[in-house]
Structure formats: C-alpha cells, structure tokens
C-alpha atoms as a PDB file:
ATOM      1  CA  MET A   1     -15.653  -3.439  84.135  1.00  0.00           C
ATOM      2  CA  PRO A   2     -16.055  -4.243  80.401  1.00  0.00           C
ATOM      3  CA  LEU A   3     -14.908  -1.952  77.631  1.00  0.00           C
ATOM      4  CA  SER A   4     -17.062   1.048  76.863  1.00  0.00           C
ATOM      5  CA  GLY A   5     -17.494   2.664  73.477  1.00  0.00           C
ATOM      6  CA  MET A   6     -17.781   6.388  72.833  1.00  0.00           C
ATOM      7  CA  THR A   7     -20.872   6.442  70.621  1.00  0.00           C
ATOM      8  CA  GLY A   8     -24.358   6.278  72.113  1.00  0.00           C
ATOM      9  CA  PHE A   9     -27.688   7.941  72.848  1.00  0.00           C
ATOM     10  CA  GLY A  10     -29.904   8.358  75.898  1.00  0.00           C
ATOM     11  CA  ARG A  11     -33.244  10.065  76.484  1.00  0.00           C
ATOM     12  CA  ALA A  12     -35.372  10.867  79.531  1.00  0.00           C
ATOM     13  CA  GLU A  13     -38.617  12.772  80.013  1.00  0.00           C
ATOM     14  CA  GLY A  14     -40.266  14.366  83.013  1.00  0.00           C
ATOM     15  CA  SER A  15     -42.934  16.758  84.213  1.00  0.00           C
ATOM     16  CA  ALA A  16     -43.752  18.817  87.277  1.00  0.00           C
ATOM     17  CA  GLY A  17     -46.712  21.126  87.704  1.00  0.00           C
ATOM     18  CA  ASP A  18     -47.317  23.038  84.488  1.00  0.00           C
ATOM     19  CA  TRP A  19     -43.889  22.095  83.089  1.00  0.00           C
ATOM     20  CA  SER A  20     -42.882  19.153  80.936  1.00  0.00           C
ATOM     21  CA  TRP A  21     -39.468  18.443  79.446  1.00  0.00           C
ATOM     22  CA  ALA A  22     -37.336  16.010  77.480  1.00  0.00           C
ATOM     23  CA  VAL A  23     -33.589  15.452  77.812  1.00  0.00           C
ATOM     24  CA  GLU A  24     -31.422  13.902  75.093  1.00  0.00           C
ATOM     25  CA  ALA A  25     -27.793  12.937  75.622  1.00  0.00           C
ATOM     26  CA  ARG A  26     -25.600  11.704  72.803  1.00  0.00           C
ATOM     27  CA  SER A  27     -21.874  11.203  72.273  1.00  0.00           C
ATOM     28  CA  VAL A  28     -19.349  10.524  69.535  1.00  0.00           C
ATOM     29  CA  ASN A  29     -15.645   9.717  69.476  1.00  0.00           C
ATOM     30  CA  GLY A  30     -13.164  12.210  70.897  1.00  0.00           C
ATOM     31  CA  ARG A  31      -9.591  12.205  72.142  1.00  0.00           C
ATOM     32  CA  ASN A  32     -10.659  13.884  75.385  1.00  0.00           C
ATOM     33  CA  LEU A  33     -13.929  14.534  77.203  1.00  0.00           C
ATOM     34  CA  GLU A  34     -15.783  17.475  75.682  1.00  0.00           C
ATOM     35  CA  ILE A  35     -19.209  18.407  77.050  1.00  0.00           C
ATOM     36  CA  ARG A  36     -21.749  20.642  75.332  1.00  0.00           C
ATOM     37  CA  PHE A  37     -25.066  21.731  76.817  1.00  0.00           C
ATOM     38  CA  ARG A  38     -28.147  23.312  75.287  1.00  0.00           C
ATOM     39  CA  GLY A  39     -31.089  24.185  77.500  1.00  0.00           C
ATOM     40  CA  PRO A  40     -33.952  26.615  78.006  1.00  0.00           C
ATOM     41  CA  PRO A  41     -33.180  30.119  79.297  1.00  0.00           C
ATOM     42  CA  GLY A  42     -33.585  30.644  83.004  1.00  0.00           C
ATOM     43  CA  PHE A  43     -32.352  27.179  84.008  1.00  0.00           C
ATOM     44  CA  ASP A  44     -28.650  27.872  84.433  1.00  0.00           C
ATOM     45  CA  GLN A  45     -28.137  25.141  87.035  1.00  0.00           C
ATOM     46  CA  LEU A  46     -28.880  22.455  84.450  1.00  0.00           C
ATOM     47  CA  ASP A  47     -25.611  23.227  82.664  1.00  0.00           C
ATOM     48  CA  ARG A  48     -23.701  22.387  85.830  1.00  0.00           C
ATOM     49  CA  ALA A  49     -25.749  19.230  86.392  1.00  0.00           C
ATOM     50  CA  ALA A  50     -25.025  18.061  82.833  1.00  0.00           C
ATOM     51  CA  ARG A  51     -21.286  18.720  83.095  1.00  0.00           C
ATOM     52  CA  GLU A  52     -20.855  17.125  86.504  1.00  0.00           C
ATOM     53  CA  GLY A  53     -22.993  14.165  85.478  1.00  0.00           C
ATOM     54  CA  ALA A  54     -20.974  13.585  82.305  1.00  0.00           C
ATOM     55  CA  GLN A  55     -17.628  13.981  84.078  1.00  0.00           C
ATOM     56  CA  SER A  56     -18.624  11.399  86.697  1.00  0.00           C
ATOM     57  CA  ARG A  57     -19.570   8.827  84.039  1.00  0.00           C
ATOM     58  CA  PHE A  58     -17.239   9.328  81.086  1.00  0.00           C
ATOM     59  CA  ALA A  59     -13.528   9.836  80.453  1.00  0.00           C
ATOM     60  CA  ARG A  60     -13.500  10.488  76.705  1.00  0.00           C
ATOM     61  CA  GLY A  61     -15.835  11.488  73.895  1.00  0.00           C
ATOM     62  CA  GLN A  62     -17.809  14.493  72.703  1.00  0.00           C
ATOM     63  CA  VAL A  63     -20.948  14.515  74.841  1.00  0.00           C
ATOM     64  CA  THR A  64     -23.922  16.731  73.961  1.00  0.00           C
ATOM     65  CA  VAL A  65     -26.839  17.207  76.364  1.00  0.00           C
ATOM     66  CA  GLY A  66     -29.972  19.015  75.226  1.00  0.00           C
ATOM     67  CA  VAL A  67     -33.011  19.948  77.301  1.00  0.00           C
ATOM     68  CA  GLN A  68     -36.319  21.044  75.793  1.00  0.00           C
ATOM     69  CA  ALA A  69     -38.888  22.378  78.273  1.00  0.00           C
ATOM     70  CA  LYS A  70     -42.440  23.633  77.817  1.00  0.00           C
ATOM     71  CA  LYS A  71     -44.899  25.273  80.169  1.00  0.00           C
ATOM     72  CA  ALA A  72     -48.607  24.645  79.743  1.00  0.00           C
ATOM     73  CA  GLU A  73     -50.677  27.650  78.679  1.00  0.00           C
ATOM     74  CA  ALA A  74     -52.854  27.197  81.743  1.00  0.00           C
ATOM     75  CA  GLY A  75     -49.905  28.247  83.834  1.00  0.00           C
ATOM     76  CA  ALA A  76     -49.644  31.653  82.158  1.00  0.00           C
ATOM     77  CA  GLN A  77     -51.600  34.881  82.508  1.00  0.00           C
ATOM     78  CA  VAL A  78     -53.271  36.405  79.448  1.00  0.00           C
ATOM     79  CA  ARG A  79     -53.870  40.163  79.348  1.00  0.00           C
ATOM     80  CA  ILE A  80     -55.036  42.717  76.793  1.00  0.00           C
ATOM     81  CA  ASN A  81     -52.544  45.310  75.663  1.00  0.00           C
ATOM     82  CA  GLN A  82     -54.912  48.264  75.893  1.00  0.00           C
ATOM     83  CA  GLU A  83     -52.434  50.673  74.358  1.00  0.00           C
ATOM     84  CA  GLN A  84     -52.036  48.515  71.262  1.00  0.00           C
ATOM     85  CA  LEU A  85     -55.825  47.975  71.019  1.00  0.00           C
ATOM     86  CA  ASP A  86     -56.491  51.748  71.202  1.00  0.00           C
ATOM     87  CA  ARG A  87     -53.943  52.293  68.473  1.00  0.00           C
ATOM     88  CA  TYR A  88     -55.746  49.863  66.176  1.00  0.00           C
ATOM     89  CA  LEU A  89     -59.130  51.471  66.941  1.00  0.00           C
ATOM     90  CA  GLU A  90     -57.747  54.929  66.283  1.00  0.00           C
ATOM     91  CA  MET A  91     -56.278  53.877  62.951  1.00  0.00           C
ATOM     92  CA  GLY A  92     -59.528  52.186  61.873  1.00  0.00           C
ATOM     93  CA  ALA A  93     -61.948  54.918  62.986  1.00  0.00           C
ATOM     94  CA  PRO A  94     -61.634  57.082  59.804  1.00  0.00           C
ATOM     95  CA  LEU A  95     -62.236  54.020  57.602  1.00  0.00           C
ATOM     96  CA  ILE A  96     -65.351  53.058  59.574  1.00  0.00           C
ATOM     97  CA  ALA A  97     -66.646  56.647  59.495  1.00  0.00           C
ATOM     98  CA  ALA A  98     -66.182  56.787  55.728  1.00  0.00           C
ATOM     99  CA  GLY A  99     -68.070  53.554  55.286  1.00  0.00           C
ATOM    100  CA  ARG A 100     -65.005  51.825  53.879  1.00  0.00           C
ATOM    101  CA  ALA A 101     -64.885  49.258  56.708  1.00  0.00           C
ATOM    102  CA  ALA A 102     -67.318  47.606  59.059  1.00  0.00           C
ATOM    103  CA  PRO A 103     -67.038  48.062  62.833  1.00  0.00           C
ATOM    104  CA  PRO A 104     -64.659  45.420  64.182  1.00  0.00           C
ATOM    105  CA  SER A 105     -65.865  42.434  66.186  1.00  0.00           C
ATOM    106  CA  LEU A 106     -64.401  41.449  69.530  1.00  0.00           C
ATOM    107  CA  ASP A 107     -62.793  38.271  68.208  1.00  0.00           C
ATOM    108  CA  GLY A 108     -61.351  40.218  65.305  1.00  0.00           C
ATOM    109  CA  LEU A 109     -59.807  42.780  67.616  1.00  0.00           C
ATOM    110  CA  LEU A 110     -58.349  40.113  69.897  1.00  0.00           C
ATOM    111  CA  ALA A 111     -56.817  38.338  66.901  1.00  0.00           C
ATOM    112  CA  LEU A 112     -54.810  41.429  65.930  1.00  0.00           C
ATOM    113  CA  ARG A 113     -51.104  41.103  66.545  1.00  0.00           C
ATOM    114  CA  GLY A 114     -49.979  42.418  69.903  1.00  0.00           C
ATOM    115  CA  VAL A 115     -53.433  42.828  71.420  1.00  0.00           C
ATOM    116  CA  LEU A 116     -53.256  39.669  73.518  1.00  0.00           C
ATOM    117  CA  GLU A 117     -50.125  39.091  75.556  1.00  0.00           C
ATOM    118  CA  VAL A 118     -49.139  35.978  77.479  1.00  0.00           C
ATOM    119  CA  ALA A 119     -47.090  36.694  80.553  1.00  0.00           C
ATOM    120  CA  ASP A 120     -45.550  33.958  82.642  1.00  0.00           C
ATOM    121  CA  THR A 121     -46.356  34.090  86.277  1.00  0.00           C
ATOM    122  CA  GLU A 122     -43.419  34.813  88.483  1.00  0.00           C
ATOM    123  CA  ASP A 123     -42.018  31.627  90.000  1.00  0.00           C
ATOM    124  CA  ASP A 124     -40.990  31.831  93.583  1.00  0.00           C
ATOM    125  CA  PRO A 125     -37.374  30.806  94.286  1.00  0.00           C
ATOM    126  CA  GLU A 126     -38.337  27.588  96.070  1.00  0.00           C
ATOM    127  CA  ALA A 127     -40.590  26.446  93.210  1.00  0.00           C
ATOM    128  CA  GLN A 128     -37.891  27.293  90.671  1.00  0.00           C
ATOM    129  CA  ALA A 129     -35.284  25.343  92.638  1.00  0.00           C
ATOM    130  CA  ALA A 130     -37.593  22.329  92.921  1.00  0.00           C
ATOM    131  CA  LEU A 131     -38.289  22.465  89.182  1.00  0.00           C
ATOM    132  CA  GLU A 132     -34.590  22.592  88.311  1.00  0.00           C
ATOM    133  CA  ALA A 133     -33.900  19.725  90.699  1.00  0.00           C
ATOM    134  CA  ALA A 134     -36.527  17.604  88.938  1.00  0.00           C
ATOM    135  CA  MET A 135     -35.059  18.482  85.550  1.00  0.00           C
ATOM    136  CA  ALA A 136     -31.567  17.649  86.837  1.00  0.00           C
ATOM    137  CA  LEU A 137     -32.776  14.159  87.741  1.00  0.00           C
ATOM    138  CA  SER A 138     -33.898  13.697  84.136  1.00  0.00           C
ATOM    139  CA  VAL A 139     -30.502  14.921  82.947  1.00  0.00           C
ATOM    140  CA  GLY A 140     -28.889  12.250  85.111  1.00  0.00           C
ATOM    141  CA  ALA A 141     -31.279   9.594  83.789  1.00  0.00           C
ATOM    142  CA  ALA A 142     -30.470  10.535  80.174  1.00  0.00           C
ATOM    143  CA  LEU A 143     -26.733  10.386  80.896  1.00  0.00           C
ATOM    144  CA  GLU A 144     -27.152   6.992  82.551  1.00  0.00           C
ATOM    145  CA  ALA A 145     -29.013   5.751  79.472  1.00  0.00           C
ATOM    146  CA  LEU A 146     -26.169   7.103  77.346  1.00  0.00           C
ATOM    147  CA  ALA A 147     -23.638   5.254  79.513  1.00  0.00           C
ATOM    148  CA  ALA A 148     -25.613   2.013  79.049  1.00  0.00           C
ATOM    149  CA  SER A 149     -25.652   2.581  75.293  1.00  0.00           C
ATOM    150  CA  ARG A 150     -21.891   3.100  75.283  1.00  0.00           C
ATOM    151  CA  ARG A 151     -21.400  -0.096  77.307  1.00  0.00           C
ATOM    152  CA  GLU A 152     -23.429  -2.025  74.724  1.00  0.00           C
ATOM    153  CA  GLU A 153     -21.125  -0.707  72.023  1.00  0.00           C
ATOM    154  CA  GLY A 154     -18.181  -1.743  74.201  1.00  0.00           C
ATOM    155  CA  LEU A 155     -19.436  -5.334  74.336  1.00  0.00           C
ATOM    156  CA  ALA A 156     -19.607  -5.457  70.546  1.00  0.00           C
ATOM    157  CA  LEU A 157     -16.140  -3.915  70.274  1.00  0.00           C
ATOM    158  CA  THR A 158     -14.728  -6.462  72.724  1.00  0.00           C
ATOM    159  CA  ALA A 159     -15.713  -9.370  70.477  1.00  0.00           C
ATOM    160  CA  VAL A 160     -14.188  -7.657  67.441  1.00  0.00           C
ATOM    161  CA  LEU A 161     -10.945  -6.766  69.213  1.00  0.00           C
ATOM    162  CA  VAL A 162     -10.496 -10.256  70.673  1.00  0.00           C
ATOM    163  CA  ALA A 163     -10.914 -11.769  67.211  1.00  0.00           C
ATOM    164  CA  LEU A 164      -8.315  -9.393  65.758  1.00  0.00           C
ATOM    165  CA  VAL A 165      -5.834 -10.109  68.553  1.00  0.00           C
ATOM    166  CA  ASP A 166      -6.315 -13.830  67.962  1.00  0.00           C
ATOM    167  CA  ARG A 167      -5.595 -13.233  64.277  1.00  0.00           C
ATOM    168  CA  ILE A 168      -2.412 -11.305  65.105  1.00  0.00           C
ATOM    169  CA  GLU A 169      -1.261 -14.127  67.409  1.00  0.00           C
ATOM    170  CA  LEU A 170      -1.871 -16.669  64.658  1.00  0.00           C
ATOM    171  CA  LEU A 171       0.201 -14.615  62.217  1.00  0.00           C
ATOM    172  CA  VAL A 172       3.001 -14.262  64.773  1.00  0.00           C
ATOM    173  CA  GLY A 173       3.099 -18.057  65.021  1.00  0.00           C
ATOM    174  CA  GLN A 174       3.251 -18.369  61.222  1.00  0.00           C
ATOM    175  CA  ALA A 175       6.018 -15.778  61.070  1.00  0.00           C
ATOM    176  CA  HIS A 176       8.003 -17.658  63.712  1.00  0.00           C
ATOM    177  CA  ALA A 177       7.802 -20.893  61.727  1.00  0.00           C
ATOM    178  CA  LEU A 178       8.882 -19.177  58.516  1.00  0.00           C
ATOM    179  CA  ALA A 179      11.667 -17.199  60.206  1.00  0.00           C
ATOM    180  CA  GLU A 180      13.420 -20.428  61.212  1.00  0.00           C
ATOM    181  CA  GLY A 181      14.152 -21.030  57.553  1.00  0.00           C
ATOM    182  CA  GLN A 182      15.725 -17.620  56.959  1.00  0.00           C
ATOM    183  CA  PRO A 183      19.378 -18.505  57.791  1.00  0.00           C
ATOM    184  CA  ALA A 184      19.425 -21.402  55.333  1.00  0.00           C
ATOM    185  CA  ALA A 185      17.723 -19.336  52.644  1.00  0.00           C
ATOM    186  CA  ILE A 186      20.188 -16.471  53.164  1.00  0.00           C
ATOM    187  CA  LYS A 187      23.163 -18.837  52.976  1.00  0.00           C
ATOM    188  CA  GLU A 188      21.875 -20.430  49.769  1.00  0.00           C
ATOM    189  CA  ARG A 189      21.147 -17.049  48.183  1.00  0.00           C
ATOM    190  CA  PHE A 190      24.560 -15.662  49.122  1.00  0.00           C
ATOM    191  CA  GLU A 191      26.338 -18.775  47.828  1.00  0.00           C
ATOM    192  CA  ARG A 192      24.488 -18.586  44.520  1.00  0.00           C
ATOM    193  CA  ARG A 193      25.204 -14.895  44.170  1.00  0.00           C
ATOM    194  CA  MET A 194      28.892 -15.341  44.859  1.00  0.00           C
ATOM    195  CA  ALA A 195      29.095 -18.087  42.235  1.00  0.00           C
ATOM    196  CA  GLU A 196      27.456 -15.768  39.708  1.00  0.00           C
ATOM    197  CA  LEU A 197      29.926 -12.996  40.466  1.00  0.00           C
ATOM    198  CA  ILE A 198      33.211 -14.927  40.587  1.00  0.00           C
ATOM    199  CA  GLY A 199      32.251 -17.748  38.241  1.00  0.00           C
ATOM    200  CA  GLU A 200      33.078 -20.507  40.654  1.00  0.00           C
ATOM    201  CA  ALA A 201      32.111 -21.791  44.058  1.00  0.00           C
ATOM    202  CA  ALA A 202      33.146 -19.455  46.855  1.00  0.00           C
ATOM    203  CA  PRO A 203      35.213 -20.763  49.775  1.00  0.00           C
ATOM    204  CA  ALA A 204      32.981 -22.449  52.336  1.00  0.00           C
ATOM    205  CA  ASP A 205      34.369 -20.458  55.252  1.00  0.00           C
ATOM    206  CA  LYS A 206      33.732 -17.209  53.397  1.00  0.00           C
ATOM    207  CA  ILE A 207      30.139 -18.226  52.672  1.00  0.00           C
ATOM    208  CA  VAL A 208      29.511 -19.237  56.271  1.00  0.00           C
ATOM    209  CA  THR A 209      30.985 -16.009  57.656  1.00  0.00           C
ATOM    210  CA  GLU A 210      29.098 -13.648  55.334  1.00  0.00           C
ATOM    211  CA  ALA A 211      25.846 -15.600  55.504  1.00  0.00           C
ATOM    212  CA  ALA A 212      26.015 -15.626  59.295  1.00  0.00           C
ATOM    213  CA  ALA A 213      26.457 -11.846  59.349  1.00  0.00           C
ATOM    214  CA  MET A 214      23.486 -11.420  57.039  1.00  0.00           C
ATOM    215  CA  ALA A 215      21.405 -13.826  59.107  1.00  0.00           C
ATOM    216  CA  VAL A 216      22.096 -11.810  62.247  1.00  0.00           C
ATOM    217  CA  LYS A 217      20.799  -8.675  60.561  1.00  0.00           C
ATOM    218  CA  ALA A 218      17.715 -10.571  59.397  1.00  0.00           C
ATOM    219  CA  ASP A 219      17.031 -12.158  62.793  1.00  0.00           C
ATOM    220  CA  VAL A 220      13.423 -11.338  63.758  1.00  0.00           C
ATOM    221  CA  ARG A 221      13.217 -13.276  67.007  1.00  0.00           C
ATOM    222  CA  GLU A 222      13.216 -10.110  69.121  1.00  0.00           C
ATOM    223  CA  GLU A 223      10.396  -8.609  67.064  1.00  0.00           C
ATOM    224  CA  LEU A 224       8.372 -11.804  67.354  1.00  0.00           C
ATOM    225  CA  ASP A 225       8.948 -11.948  71.124  1.00  0.00           C
ATOM    226  CA  ARG A 226       7.762  -8.351  71.485  1.00  0.00           C
ATOM    227  CA  LEU A 227       4.736  -9.064  69.307  1.00  0.00           C
ATOM    228  CA  ARG A 228       3.800 -11.973  71.570  1.00  0.00           C
ATOM    229  CA  ALA A 229       4.162  -9.698  74.604  1.00  0.00           C
ATOM    230  CA  HIS A 230       1.952  -7.079  72.914  1.00  0.00           C
ATOM    231  CA  VAL A 231      -0.673  -9.735  72.250  1.00  0.00           C
ATOM    232  CA  GLU A 232      -0.807 -10.600  75.941  1.00  0.00           C
ATOM    233  CA  ALA A 233      -0.889  -6.929  76.903  1.00  0.00           C
ATOM    234  CA  ALA A 234      -3.767  -6.294  74.487  1.00  0.00           C
ATOM    235  CA  ARG A 235      -5.792  -9.115  76.008  1.00  0.00           C
ATOM    236  CA  GLY A 236      -5.163  -7.674  79.456  1.00  0.00           C
ATOM    237  CA  HIS A 237      -6.320  -4.194  78.425  1.00  0.00           C
ATOM    238  CA  ILE A 238      -9.453  -5.541  76.724  1.00  0.00           C
ATOM    239  CA  VAL A 239     -10.632  -7.042  80.021  1.00  0.00           C
ATOM    240  CA  GLY A 240      -8.980  -4.411  82.224  1.00  0.00           C
ATOM    241  CA  GLU A 241     -10.631  -2.016  84.661  1.00  0.00           C
ATOM    242  CA  GLY A 242     -11.470   1.537  83.638  1.00  0.00           C
ATOM    243  CA  PRO A 243     -11.064   3.298  80.279  1.00  0.00           C
ATOM    244  CA  GLN A 244      -8.564   1.417  78.105  1.00  0.00           C
ATOM    245  CA  GLY A 245      -8.777   3.319  74.817  1.00  0.00           C
ATOM    246  CA  ARG A 246      -5.566   5.322  75.207  1.00  0.00           C
ATOM    247  CA  ARG A 247      -3.575   2.257  76.300  1.00  0.00           C
ATOM    248  CA  LEU A 248      -4.857   0.208  73.372  1.00  0.00           C
ATOM    249  CA  ASP A 249      -4.116   3.064  70.988  1.00  0.00           C
ATOM    250  CA  PHE A 250      -0.505   3.224  72.204  1.00  0.00           C
ATOM    251  CA  LEU A 251      -0.207  -0.551  72.010  1.00  0.00           C
ATOM    252  CA  THR A 252      -1.391  -0.439  68.392  1.00  0.00           C
ATOM    253  CA  GLN A 253       1.548   1.812  67.547  1.00  0.00           C
ATOM    254  CA  GLU A 254       3.911  -0.696  69.135  1.00  0.00           C
ATOM    255  CA  PHE A 255       2.282  -3.539  67.185  1.00  0.00           C
ATOM    256  CA  MET A 256       2.793  -1.668  63.914  1.00  0.00           C
ATOM    257  CA  ARG A 257       6.408  -0.762  64.720  1.00  0.00           C
ATOM    258  CA  GLU A 258       7.348  -4.429  65.220  1.00  0.00           C
ATOM    259  CA  ALA A 259       5.406  -5.525  62.131  1.00  0.00           C
ATOM    260  CA  ASN A 260       7.220  -2.928  60.010  1.00  0.00           C
ATOM    261  CA  THR A 261      10.585  -4.120  61.290  1.00  0.00           C
ATOM    262  CA  LEU A 262       9.588  -7.726  60.604  1.00  0.00           C
ATOM    263  CA  CYS A 263       8.811  -6.880  56.976  1.00  0.00           C
ATOM    264  CA  SER A 264      12.018  -4.895  56.529  1.00  0.00           C
ATOM    265  CA  LYS A 265      14.127  -7.788  57.861  1.00  0.00           C
ATOM    266  CA  SER A 266      12.315 -10.471  55.914  1.00  0.00           C
ATOM    267  CA  ALA A 267      14.425 -12.432  53.443  1.00  0.00           C
ATOM    268  CA  LEU A 268      11.577 -14.709  52.384  1.00  0.00           C
ATOM    269  CA  GLY A 269       8.583 -13.859  50.237  1.00  0.00           C
ATOM    270  CA  ALA A 270       6.287 -15.957  52.406  1.00  0.00           C
ATOM    271  CA  LEU A 271       7.449 -14.165  55.559  1.00  0.00           C
ATOM    272  CA  THR A 272       6.900 -10.791  53.902  1.00  0.00           C
ATOM    273  CA  THR A 273       3.371 -11.865  52.959  1.00  0.00           C
ATOM    274  CA  VAL A 274       2.638 -12.826  56.559  1.00  0.00           C
ATOM    275  CA  GLY A 275       4.092  -9.516  57.718  1.00  0.00           C
ATOM    276  CA  LEU A 276       1.870  -7.548  55.349  1.00  0.00           C
ATOM    277  CA  ASP A 277      -1.169  -9.533  56.459  1.00  0.00           C
ATOM    278  CA  MET A 278      -0.221  -8.751  60.040  1.00  0.00           C
ATOM    279  CA  LYS A 279       0.023  -5.023  59.265  1.00  0.00           C
ATOM    280  CA  ALA A 280      -3.420  -5.077  57.657  1.00  0.00           C
ATOM    281  CA  THR A 281      -4.868  -6.796  60.727  1.00  0.00           C
ATOM    282  CA  ILE A 282      -3.174  -4.312  63.048  1.00  0.00           C
ATOM    283  CA  GLU A 283      -4.667  -1.466  61.016  1.00  0.00           C
ATOM    284  CA  GLN A 284      -8.127  -2.997  61.460  1.00  0.00           C
ATOM    285  CA  PHE A 285      -7.392  -3.255  65.178  1.00  0.00           C
ATOM    286  CA  ARG A 286      -6.375   0.427  65.251  1.00  0.00           C
ATOM    287  CA  GLU A 287      -9.598   1.518  63.548  1.00  0.00           C
ATOM    288  CA  GLN A 288     -11.697  -0.322  66.121  1.00  0.00           C
ATOM    289  CA  VAL A 289      -9.644   0.987  69.023  1.00  0.00           C
ATOM    290  CA  GLN A 290     -10.564   4.553  68.020  1.00  0.00           C
ATOM    291  CA  ASN A 291     -14.097   3.758  69.243  1.00  0.00           C
ATOM    292  CA  VAL A 292     -12.982   2.607  72.712  1.00  0.00           C
ATOM    293  CA  GLU A 293     -13.286   5.002  75.638  1.00  0.00           C
END
C-alpha cells in the first residue's frame, strides 16, 4: 500500500423522504488519531458511525466530520398559536376602538411573531433508524473520499521523499570520498603545527603516532556505514505496508545524529560543507515526513 498523507477533504450528499443532508470530512496533521464530529441534534448514532469509520481507515491525523441536515417544510405541520393570537387581538382592541389603528387583516395577523408555529411530525422509531442508516452511509462515503484524498497526497509525498533520500545517498558518497583524505590531511597539519611550535621538524615516529591517534578520532567510516543503512531503511519504509510516518520520523532523528557526528569529526573544510548540506537535506526530509500518516 502506498504512503498516505494526513491532509485531505471528502464530501458526500444524500436524501431520503423529506430529508436532505451533506457530509464533509477533512483532516490535518496530528501525532495521533483525533476525531471530532458535528451533527444535527437527534442523530446521536452518526457520531458513532463517524468515529468507527475514521478509526477503520486512518491511524493518525486530526479528522473532523460534519453533517448538515434539513427537512423540507412539506414534512412539517403548521398550526396557529391561538393563545398568542388572542393576546395580540386583546392588545390591539383599544387602539382600534379609539380609531388609532385599522382592524387587522388575516395575513397581517399570521405574520405576527409567534402566531404561526411549525411543529415537526413525530418520526416513528423504524423511520428514524432508516434515516440514520442512510446518513451513516453518506458519512462512510465522505470518509472514503477523504481517504482517497490523503492517498493522493501520499503519492506526491513519495516522489519528494525518494528524491531527498537519493540526495542524501549522493552526499554520503561524496563524504566517503573526501573522508579517505582525512588521515593524510591530519598528518600534514600536525607536522606543520609541531614545526611551528618547536622550530624544527618533529621526529617522524612522533608525527606518525600522534597523527594516527588523531585520525582514529576523526574516522567517520562507522557514521557513513550507518547513513547508508538508514538510506536503505528509508527506501523500505517509503514503499512499506501500512502507516510509515512514525518510523520515518524516528529514522530522520537517526539520520541527523550521524550527520552531526560527521560534521564534528570532520578535519576538512570540504567534508564539513558536505556534512552541512546533508543536514539541510535531512531537515527537508523531516519536514515532509511530518505529513506522512
């Protein structure tokens, strides 16, 4: 299964009887899986459907599922609030009697606030369950669209990560070539320094002994071997099965640890430059890995 990102969007719509609805599912980066649901009152089962659907599809990310539902006016009963209407008539009667107001019309009375009331018809349990089941299918469709969107992001991330790993491997090869010249450079530098301090050429055996000790401390072959192993591991995770974000994140830390050690052991300016370039590339790799599920 290819890499999946953590950013995406999915939408699904549906209708049944007098009801119509729209479901939107979106996600952003997150260390763990966090699910948030917003839906209309009276449809409590949709929260469970959203959470179970997200948990079955995703391992990481902040996932938000929102449901907006609307019932057609034809599916509601309209009645006159007689008590409120009588109150309005009672309040207006003195004004009409005094000639300060004209008798109200029917449409005027019905337009007064609180006179007309819209009451939803009671849904029977079976109809309510069928409606929630239909909405739950739309929730699943929106989550599936979100998963597809995240997979598309994963494909784009794969190309970027492969290019960065290739760049790191190239720099490891350059560092290996430069590191072979470190012992000779260390010996020459030590010999020159000794001559400056004592005013004459130092004994050859002394130079060889001290330079060899310094070369051992500056040996970066182990770091380069581990970097090569990390490169192979990264390639394996990029094409591996299941969520790979955490593994790649840990591997990035190991990359940076070896690159830091390489720079600290470097006795050559060119090798230090390669090491710094490698650290910059690893940092770019880390930033991209934060988007991987």
